[in-house]
C-alpha cells in the first residue's frame, strides 16, 4: 500500500536559513530577527541591527515576508536618523 510507513502528521525541520537571513519567530509574537546559527536544538536569532540574541524553536520560525523585512529595516533607519542607534 502506498505510504503505509509514512506518518501523515509528521513535520520535518524547516530548511536552515542563510546566515543573516531575516526570519519571523512566531513563538515570540511574530518577532523579526536575523538568523545567526544553530545552538543545540534551537536557532539563534538577533534583532535587526544588533542587540541581544534569543533562541527560537525551528518549527516556529518562518522566512520574513518582504513587507516584514521592509518594516524592520525602515524602523532601524528611522531610529538611526533620530540618533537613537549608531
PDB file of N, CA and C in Angstrom:
ATOM      1  N   UNK A   1       0.848  -1.173   0.000  1.00  0.00           N
ATOM      2  CA  UNK A   1       0.000   0.000   0.000  1.00  0.00           C
ATOM      3  C   UNK A   1       0.894   1.237   0.000  1.00  0.00           C
ATOM      4  N   UNK A   2       0.522   2.216  -0.768  1.00  0.00           N
ATOM      5  CA  UNK A   2       1.297   3.447  -0.907  1.00  0.00           C
ATOM      6  C   UNK A   2       1.297   4.244   0.391  1.00  0.00           C
ATOM      7  N   UNK A   3       2.474   4.615   0.861  1.00  0.00           N
ATOM      8  CA  UNK A   3       2.596   5.475   2.031  1.00  0.00           C
ATOM      9  C   UNK A   3       2.254   4.823   3.355  1.00  0.00           C
ATOM     10  N   UNK A   4       2.283   3.498   3.417  1.00  0.00           N
ATOM     11  CA  UNK A   4       1.869   2.845   4.655  1.00  0.00           C
ATOM     12  C   UNK A   4       2.835   3.107   5.807  1.00  0.00           C
ATOM     13  N   UNK A   5       4.094   3.432   5.504  1.00  0.00           N
ATOM     14  CA  UNK A   5       5.062   3.722   6.552  1.00  0.00           C
ATOM     15  C   UNK A   5       5.192   5.216   6.838  1.00  0.00           C
ATOM     16  N   UNK A   6       4.457   6.010   6.133  1.00  0.00           N
ATOM     17  CA  UNK A   6       4.543   7.457   6.319  1.00  0.00           C
ATOM     18  C   UNK A   6       3.568   7.909   7.391  1.00  0.00           C
ATOM     19  N   UNK A   7       4.012   8.828   8.199  1.00  0.00           N
ATOM     20  CA  UNK A   7       3.147   9.411   9.221  1.00  0.00           C
ATOM     21  C   UNK A   7       2.562  10.700   8.647  1.00  0.00           C
ATOM     22  N   UNK A   8       1.240  10.792   8.488  1.00  0.00           N
ATOM     23  CA  UNK A   8       0.650  11.951   7.829  1.00  0.00           C
ATOM     24  C   UNK A   8       0.842  13.258   8.598  1.00  0.00           C
ATOM     25  N   UNK A   9       1.045  13.204   9.907  1.00  0.00           N
ATOM     26  CA  UNK A   9       1.183  14.421  10.691  1.00  0.00           C
ATOM     27  C   UNK A   9       2.637  14.780  10.974  1.00  0.00           C
ATOM     28  N   UNK A  10       3.576  13.996  10.469  1.00  0.00           N
ATOM     29  CA  UNK A  10       4.992  14.261  10.747  1.00  0.00           C
ATOM     30  C   UNK A  10       5.440  15.492   9.981  1.00  0.00           C
ATOM     31  N   UNK A  11       6.120  16.374  10.701  1.00  0.00           N
ATOM     32  CA  UNK A  11       6.669  17.560  10.070  1.00  0.00           C
ATOM     33  C   UNK A  11       8.169  17.557  10.306  1.00  0.00           C
ATOM     34  N   UNK A  12       8.920  17.590   9.230  1.00  0.00           N
ATOM     35  CA  UNK A  12      10.368  17.656   9.357  1.00  0.00           C
ATOM     36  C   UNK A  12      10.783  19.064   9.751  1.00  0.00           C
ATOM     37  N   UNK A  13      12.030  19.194  10.132  1.00  0.00           N
ATOM     38  CA  UNK A  13      12.541  20.509  10.465  1.00  0.00           C
ATOM     39  C   UNK A  13      12.580  21.372   9.215  1.00  0.00           C
ATOM     40  N   UNK A  14      12.327  22.659   9.361  1.00  0.00           N
ATOM     41  CA  UNK A  14      12.418  23.544   8.197  1.00  0.00           C
ATOM     42  C   UNK A  14      13.862  23.646   7.718  1.00  0.00           C
ATOM     43  N   UNK A  15      14.022  24.048   6.473  1.00  0.00           N
ATOM     44  CA  UNK A  15      15.366  24.213   5.922  1.00  0.00           C
ATOM     45  C   UNK A  15      16.101  25.294   6.696  1.00  0.00           C
ATOM     46  N   UNK A  16      17.390  25.101   6.866  1.00  0.00           N
ATOM     47  CA  UNK A  16      18.230  26.042   7.578  1.00  0.00           C
ATOM     48  C   UNK A  16      18.367  27.322   6.754  1.00  0.00           C
ATOM     49  N   UNK A  17      18.042  28.481   7.338  1.00  0.00           N
ATOM     50  CA  UNK A  17      18.176  29.742   6.594  1.00  0.00           C
ATOM     51  C   UNK A  17      19.650  30.093   6.377  1.00  0.00           C
ATOM     52  N   UNK A  18      19.890  30.992   5.459  1.00  0.00           N
ATOM     53  CA  UNK A  18      21.225  31.508   5.212  1.00  0.00           C
ATOM     54  C   UNK A  18      21.589  32.433   6.379  1.00  0.00           C
ATOM     55  N   UNK A  19      22.839  32.433   6.781  1.00  0.00           N
ATOM     56  CA  UNK A  19      23.297  33.299   7.861  1.00  0.00           C
ATOM     57  C   UNK A  19      22.949  34.755   7.532  1.00  0.00           C
ATOM     58  N   UNK A  20      22.265  35.424   8.453  1.00  0.00           N
ATOM     59  CA  UNK A  20      21.857  36.817   8.265  1.00  0.00           C
ATOM     60  C   UNK A  20      20.479  36.993   7.652  1.00  0.00           C
ATOM     61  N   UNK A  21      19.842  35.895   7.243  1.00  0.00           N
ATOM     62  CA  UNK A  21      18.509  35.993   6.650  1.00  0.00           C
ATOM     63  C   UNK A  21      17.503  36.481   7.686  1.00  0.00           C
ATOM     64  N   UNK A  22      16.551  37.271   7.240  1.00  0.00           N
ATOM     65  CA  UNK A  22      15.504  37.752   8.141  1.00  0.00           C
ATOM     66  C   UNK A  22      14.402  36.703   8.241  1.00  0.00           C
ATOM     67  N   UNK A  23      14.064  36.363   9.475  1.00  0.00           N
ATOM     68  CA  UNK A  23      13.048  35.357   9.750  1.00  0.00           C
ATOM     69  C   UNK A  23      12.101  35.888  10.819  1.00  0.00           C
ATOM     70  N   UNK A  24      10.962  35.237  10.952  1.00  0.00           N
ATOM     71  CA  UNK A  24       9.956  35.615  11.933  1.00  0.00           C
ATOM     72  C   UNK A  24       9.808  34.483  12.942  1.00  0.00           C
ATOM     73  N   UNK A  25       9.893  34.825  14.216  1.00  0.00           N
ATOM     74  CA  UNK A  25       9.722  33.862  15.303  1.00  0.00           C
ATOM     75  C   UNK A  25       8.293  33.982  15.818  1.00  0.00           C
ATOM     76  N   UNK A  26       7.431  33.050  15.418  1.00  0.00           N
ATOM     77  CA  UNK A  26       6.029  33.100  15.842  1.00  0.00           C
ATOM     78  C   UNK A  26       5.876  32.732  17.312  1.00  0.00           C
ATOM     79  N   UNK A  27       6.888  32.119  17.893  1.00  0.00           N
ATOM     80  CA  UNK A  27       6.855  31.793  19.310  1.00  0.00           C
ATOM     81  C   UNK A  27       7.044  33.016  20.189  1.00  0.00           C
ATOM     82  N   UNK A  28       7.465  34.118  19.612  1.00  0.00           N
ATOM     83  CA  UNK A  28       7.669  35.369  20.342  1.00  0.00           C
ATOM     84  C   UNK A  28       6.851  36.491  19.732  1.00  0.00           C
ATOM     85  N   UNK A  29       5.640  36.198  19.378  1.00  0.00           N
ATOM     86  CA  UNK A  29       4.736  37.229  18.865  1.00  0.00           C
ATOM     87  C   UNK A  29       5.141  37.777  17.517  1.00  0.00           C
ATOM     88  N   UNK A  30       5.577  36.935  16.620  1.00  0.00           N
ATOM     89  CA  UNK A  30       5.978  37.323  15.268  1.00  0.00           C
ATOM     90  C   UNK A  30       7.126  38.331  15.266  1.00  0.00           C
ATOM     91  N   UNK A  31       8.071  38.128  16.148  1.00  0.00           N
ATOM     92  CA  UNK A  31       9.253  38.986  16.229  1.00  0.00           C
ATOM     93  C   UNK A  31      10.186  38.674  15.061  1.00  0.00           C
ATOM     94  N   UNK A  32      10.650  39.708  14.384  1.00  0.00           N
ATOM     95  CA  UNK A  32      11.552  39.552  13.247  1.00  0.00           C
ATOM     96  C   UNK A  32      12.990  39.621  13.738  1.00  0.00           C
ATOM     97  N   UNK A  33      13.818  38.713  13.257  1.00  0.00           N
ATOM     98  CA  UNK A  33      15.221  38.710  13.635  1.00  0.00           C
ATOM     99  C   UNK A  33      16.094  38.165  12.529  1.00  0.00           C
ATOM    100  N   UNK A  34      17.394  38.331  12.694  1.00  0.00           N
ATOM    101  CA  UNK A  34      18.376  37.793  11.762  1.00  0.00           C
ATOM    102  C   UNK A  34      18.809  36.414  12.240  1.00  0.00           C
ATOM    103  N   UNK A  35      18.862  35.472  11.329  1.00  0.00           N
ATOM    104  CA  UNK A  35      19.332  34.130  11.676  1.00  0.00           C
ATOM    105  C   UNK A  35      20.831  34.194  11.925  1.00  0.00           C
ATOM    106  N   UNK A  36      21.295  33.681  13.086  1.00  0.00           N
ATOM    107  CA  UNK A  36      22.702  33.740  13.465  1.00  0.00           C
ATOM    108  C   UNK A  36      23.359  32.371  13.540  1.00  0.00           C
ATOM    109  N   UNK A  37      22.582  31.309  13.604  1.00  0.00           N
ATOM    110  CA  UNK A  37      23.170  29.978  13.656  1.00  0.00           C
ATOM    111  C   UNK A  37      22.329  29.021  14.470  1.00  0.00           C
ATOM    112  N   UNK A  38      22.912  27.862  14.728  1.00  0.00           N
ATOM    113  CA  UNK A  38      22.222  26.799  15.456  1.00  0.00           C
ATOM    114  C   UNK A  38      22.888  26.628  16.813  1.00  0.00           C
ATOM    115  N   UNK A  39      22.069  26.547  17.852  1.00  0.00           N
ATOM    116  CA  UNK A  39      22.551  26.326  19.217  1.00  0.00           C
ATOM    117  C   UNK A  39      21.802  25.129  19.785  1.00  0.00           C
ATOM    118  N   UNK A  40      22.369  23.949  19.629  1.00  0.00           N
ATOM    119  CA  UNK A  40      21.688  22.738  20.076  1.00  0.00           C
ATOM    120  C   UNK A  40      20.430  22.522  19.253  1.00  0.00           C
ATOM    121  N   UNK A  41      19.280  22.334  19.913  1.00  0.00           N
ATOM    122  CA  UNK A  41      18.036  22.117  19.172  1.00  0.00           C
ATOM    123  C   UNK A  41      17.364  23.422  18.743  1.00  0.00           C
ATOM    124  N   UNK A  42      17.968  24.560  19.067  1.00  0.00           N
ATOM    125  CA  UNK A  42      17.364  25.865  18.791  1.00  0.00           C
ATOM    126  C   UNK A  42      18.130  26.624  17.719  1.00  0.00           C
ATOM    127  N   UNK A  43      17.479  27.635  17.162  1.00  0.00           N
ATOM    128  CA  UNK A  43      18.124  28.557  16.233  1.00  0.00           C
ATOM    129  C   UNK A  43      18.367  29.853  16.974  1.00  0.00           C
ATOM    130  N   UNK A  44      19.529  30.435  16.783  1.00  0.00           N
ATOM    131  CA  UNK A  44      19.856  31.720  17.396  1.00  0.00           C
ATOM    132  C   UNK A  44      19.453  32.837  16.448  1.00  0.00           C
ATOM    133  N   UNK A  45      18.699  33.785  16.992  1.00  0.00           N
ATOM    134  CA  UNK A  45      18.249  34.948  16.231  1.00  0.00           C
ATOM    135  C   UNK A  45      18.646  36.207  16.994  1.00  0.00           C
ATOM    136  N   UNK A  46      18.780  37.320  16.285  1.00  0.00           N
ATOM    137  CA  UNK A  46      19.039  38.581  16.967  1.00  0.00           C
ATOM    138  C   UNK A  46      18.251  39.679  16.278  1.00  0.00           C
ATOM    139  N   UNK A  47      17.969  40.761  16.994  1.00  0.00           N
ATOM    140  CA  UNK A  47      17.233  41.866  16.384  1.00  0.00           C
ATOM    141  C   UNK A  47      17.997  42.454  15.196  1.00  0.00           C
ATOM    142  N   UNK A  48      17.271  43.010  14.253  1.00  0.00           N
ATOM    143  CA  UNK A  48      17.888  43.642  13.098  1.00  0.00           C
ATOM    144  C   UNK A  48      18.709  44.833  13.589  1.00  0.00           C
ATOM    145  N   UNK A  49      19.959  44.879  13.197  1.00  0.00           N
ATOM    146  CA  UNK A  49      20.830  45.977  13.598  1.00  0.00           C
ATOM    147  C   UNK A  49      21.579  45.726  14.892  1.00  0.00           C
ATOM    148  N   UNK A  50      21.390  44.598  15.516  1.00  0.00           N
ATOM    149  CA  UNK A  50      22.125  44.267  16.734  1.00  0.00           C
ATOM    150  C   UNK A  50      21.236  44.147  17.946  1.00  0.00           C
ATOM    151  N   UNK A  51      21.828  43.710  19.013  1.00  0.00           N
ATOM    152  CA  UNK A  51      21.083  43.504  20.250  1.00  0.00           C
ATOM    153  C   UNK A  51      21.286  42.096  20.766  1.00  0.00           C
ATOM    154  N   UNK A  52      20.610  41.812  21.849  1.00  0.00           N
ATOM    155  CA  UNK A  52      20.739  40.504  22.499  1.00  0.00           C
ATOM    156  C   UNK A  52      20.079  39.411  21.656  1.00  0.00           C
ATOM    157  N   UNK A  53      20.823  38.341  21.444  1.00  0.00           N
ATOM    158  CA  UNK A  53      20.283  37.201  20.713  1.00  0.00           C
ATOM    159  C   UNK A  53      19.269  36.455  21.565  1.00  0.00           C
ATOM    160  N   UNK A  54      18.385  35.731  20.886  1.00  0.00           N
ATOM    161  CA  UNK A  54      17.462  34.842  21.576  1.00  0.00           C
ATOM    162  C   UNK A  54      17.404  33.533  20.816  1.00  0.00           C
ATOM    163  N   UNK A  55      16.928  32.517  21.498  1.00  0.00           N
ATOM    164  CA  UNK A  55      16.814  31.197  20.883  1.00  0.00           C
ATOM    165  C   UNK A  55      15.367  30.937  20.512  1.00  0.00           C
ATOM    166  N   UNK A  56      15.180  30.338  19.347  1.00  0.00           N
ATOM    167  CA  UNK A  56      13.840  30.048  18.843  1.00  0.00           C
ATOM    168  C   UNK A  56      13.755  28.578  18.449  1.00  0.00           C
ATOM    169  N   UNK A  57      12.580  28.023  18.612  1.00  0.00           N
ATOM    170  CA  UNK A  57      12.331  26.659  18.167  1.00  0.00           C
ATOM    171  C   UNK A  57      12.184  26.677  16.642  1.00  0.00           C
ATOM    172  N   UNK A  58      12.960  25.862  15.931  1.00  0.00           N
ATOM    173  CA  UNK A  58      12.949  25.906  14.465  1.00  0.00           C
ATOM    174  C   UNK A  58      11.566  25.768  13.833  1.00  0.00           C
ATOM    175  N   UNK A  59      10.690  24.957  14.417  1.00  0.00           N
ATOM    176  CA  UNK A  59       9.364  24.775  13.814  1.00  0.00           C
ATOM    177  C   UNK A  59       8.476  26.008  13.992  1.00  0.00           C
ATOM    178  N   UNK A  60       8.895  26.977  14.789  1.00  0.00           N
ATOM    179  CA  UNK A  60       8.132  28.217  14.972  1.00  0.00           C
ATOM    180  C   UNK A  60       8.716  29.389  14.175  1.00  0.00           C
ATOM    181  N   UNK A  61       9.721  29.104  13.349  1.00  0.00           N
ATOM    182  CA  UNK A  61      10.388  30.144  12.576  1.00  0.00           C
ATOM    183  C   UNK A  61      10.038  29.991  11.102  1.00  0.00           C
ATOM    184  N   UNK A  62       9.786  31.131  10.460  1.00  0.00           N
ATOM    185  CA  UNK A  62       9.496  31.134   9.024  1.00  0.00           C
ATOM    186  C   UNK A  62      10.238  32.309   8.385  1.00  0.00           C
ATOM    187  N   UNK A  63      10.467  32.247   7.083  1.00  0.00           N
ATOM    188  CA  UNK A  63      11.107  33.383   6.413  1.00  0.00           C
ATOM    189  C   UNK A  63      10.228  34.634   6.526  1.00  0.00           C
ATOM    190  N   UNK A  64      10.870  35.779   6.689  1.00  0.00           N
ATOM    191  CA  UNK A  64      10.128  37.036   6.777  1.00  0.00           C
ATOM    192  C   UNK A  64       9.605  37.417   5.398  1.00  0.00           C
ATOM    193  N   UNK A  65       8.363  37.873   5.361  1.00  0.00           N
ATOM    194  CA  UNK A  65       7.793  38.378   4.116  1.00  0.00           C
ATOM    195  C   UNK A  65       8.481  39.690   3.758  1.00  0.00           C
ATOM    196  N   UNK A  66       8.435  40.074   2.495  1.00  0.00           N
ATOM    197  CA  UNK A  66       9.056  41.324   2.058  1.00  0.00           C
ATOM    198  C   UNK A  66       8.523  42.506   2.865  1.00  0.00           C
ATOM    199  N   UNK A  67       7.223  42.519   3.113  1.00  0.00           N
ATOM    200  CA  UNK A  67       6.599  43.585   3.891  1.00  0.00           C
ATOM    201  C   UNK A  67       7.205  43.659   5.297  1.00  0.00           C
ATOM    202  N   UNK A  68       7.446  42.515   5.918  1.00  0.00           N
ATOM    203  CA  UNK A  68       8.032  42.473   7.259  1.00  0.00           C
ATOM    204  C   UNK A  68       9.489  42.922   7.235  1.00  0.00           C
ATOM    205  N   UNK A  69      10.207  42.530   6.192  1.00  0.00           N
ATOM    206  CA  UNK A  69      11.593  42.950   6.059  1.00  0.00           C
ATOM    207  C   UNK A  69      11.685  44.467   5.918  1.00  0.00           C
ATOM    208  N   UNK A  70      10.830  45.033   5.081  1.00  0.00           N
ATOM    209  CA  UNK A  70      10.829  46.488   4.887  1.00  0.00           C
ATOM    210  C   UNK A  70      10.465  47.223   6.168  1.00  0.00           C
ATOM    211  N   UNK A  71       9.524  46.686   6.920  1.00  0.00           N
ATOM    212  CA  UNK A  71       9.092  47.329   8.163  1.00  0.00           C
ATOM    213  C   UNK A  71      10.228  47.435   9.165  1.00  0.00           C
ATOM    214  N   UNK A  72      10.952  46.335   9.401  1.00  0.00           N
ATOM    215  CA  UNK A  72      12.020  46.373  10.402  1.00  0.00           C
ATOM    216  C   UNK A  72      13.215  47.181   9.920  1.00  0.00           C
ATOM    217  N   UNK A  73      13.511  47.123   8.631  1.00  0.00           N
ATOM    218  CA  UNK A  73      14.636  47.910   8.118  1.00  0.00           C
ATOM    219  C   UNK A  73      14.315  49.408   8.161  1.00  0.00           C
ATOM    220  N   UNK A  74      13.079  49.771   7.842  1.00  0.00           N
ATOM    221  CA  UNK A  74      12.678  51.181   7.913  1.00  0.00           C
ATOM    222  C   UNK A  74      12.697  51.674   9.349  1.00  0.00           C
ATOM    223  N   UNK A  75      12.217  50.870  10.278  1.00  0.00           N
ATOM    224  CA  UNK A  75      12.240  51.253  11.697  1.00  0.00           C
ATOM    225  C   UNK A  75      13.673  51.474  12.164  1.00  0.00           C
ATOM    226  N   UNK A  76      14.580  50.618  11.729  1.00  0.00           N
ATOM    227  CA  UNK A  76      16.002  50.758  12.095  1.00  0.00           C
ATOM    228  C   UNK A  76      16.585  52.054  11.528  1.00  0.00           C
ATOM    229  N   UNK A  77      16.305  52.340  10.267  1.00  0.00           N
ATOM    230  CA  UNK A  77      16.810  53.570   9.639  1.00  0.00           C
ATOM    231  C   UNK A  77      16.217  54.819  10.292  1.00  0.00           C
ATOM    232  N   UNK A  78      14.956  54.769  10.650  1.00  0.00           N
ATOM    233  CA  UNK A  78      14.336  55.907  11.331  1.00  0.00           C
ATOM    234  C   UNK A  78      14.965  56.147  12.694  1.00  0.00           C
ATOM    235  N   UNK A  79      15.218  55.081  13.438  1.00  0.00           N
ATOM    236  CA  UNK A  79      15.858  55.214  14.750  1.00  0.00           C
ATOM    237  C   UNK A  79      17.263  55.775  14.585  1.00  0.00           C
ATOM    238  N   UNK A  80      17.946  55.352  13.568  1.00  0.00           N
ATOM    239  CA  UNK A  80      19.294  55.858  13.304  1.00  0.00           C
ATOM    240  C   UNK A  80      19.266  57.344  12.960  1.00  0.00           C
ATOM    241  N   UNK A  81      18.286  57.773  12.181  1.00  0.00           N
ATOM    242  CA  UNK A  81      18.195  59.199  11.799  1.00  0.00           C
ATOM    243  C   UNK A  81      17.852  60.081  13.006  1.00  0.00           C
ATOM    244  N   UNK A  82      17.186  59.509  14.002  1.00  0.00           N
ATOM    245  CA  UNK A  82      16.868  60.245  15.227  1.00  0.00           C
ATOM    246  C   UNK A  82      18.015  60.225  16.220  1.00  0.00           C
ATOM    247  N   UNK A  83      19.079  59.475  15.920  1.00  0.00           N
ATOM    248  CA  UNK A  83      20.223  59.383  16.791  1.00  0.00           C
ATOM    249  C   UNK A  83      20.052  58.398  17.935  1.00  0.00           C
ATOM    250  N   UNK A  84      19.048  57.524  17.838  1.00  0.00           N
ATOM    251  CA  UNK A  84      18.787  56.548  18.900  1.00  0.00           C
ATOM    252  C   UNK A  84      19.743  55.364  18.844  1.00  0.00           C
ATOM    253  N   UNK A  85      20.251  55.069  17.661  1.00  0.00           N
ATOM    254  CA  UNK A  85      21.206  53.968  17.465  1.00  0.00           C
ATOM    255  C   UNK A  85      22.303  54.447  16.542  1.00  0.00           C
ATOM    256  N   UNK A  86      23.423  53.757  16.560  1.00  0.00           N
ATOM    257  CA  UNK A  86      24.540  54.119  15.669  1.00  0.00           C
ATOM    258  C   UNK A  86      24.417  53.454  14.342  1.00  0.00           C
TER     259      UNK A  86
END
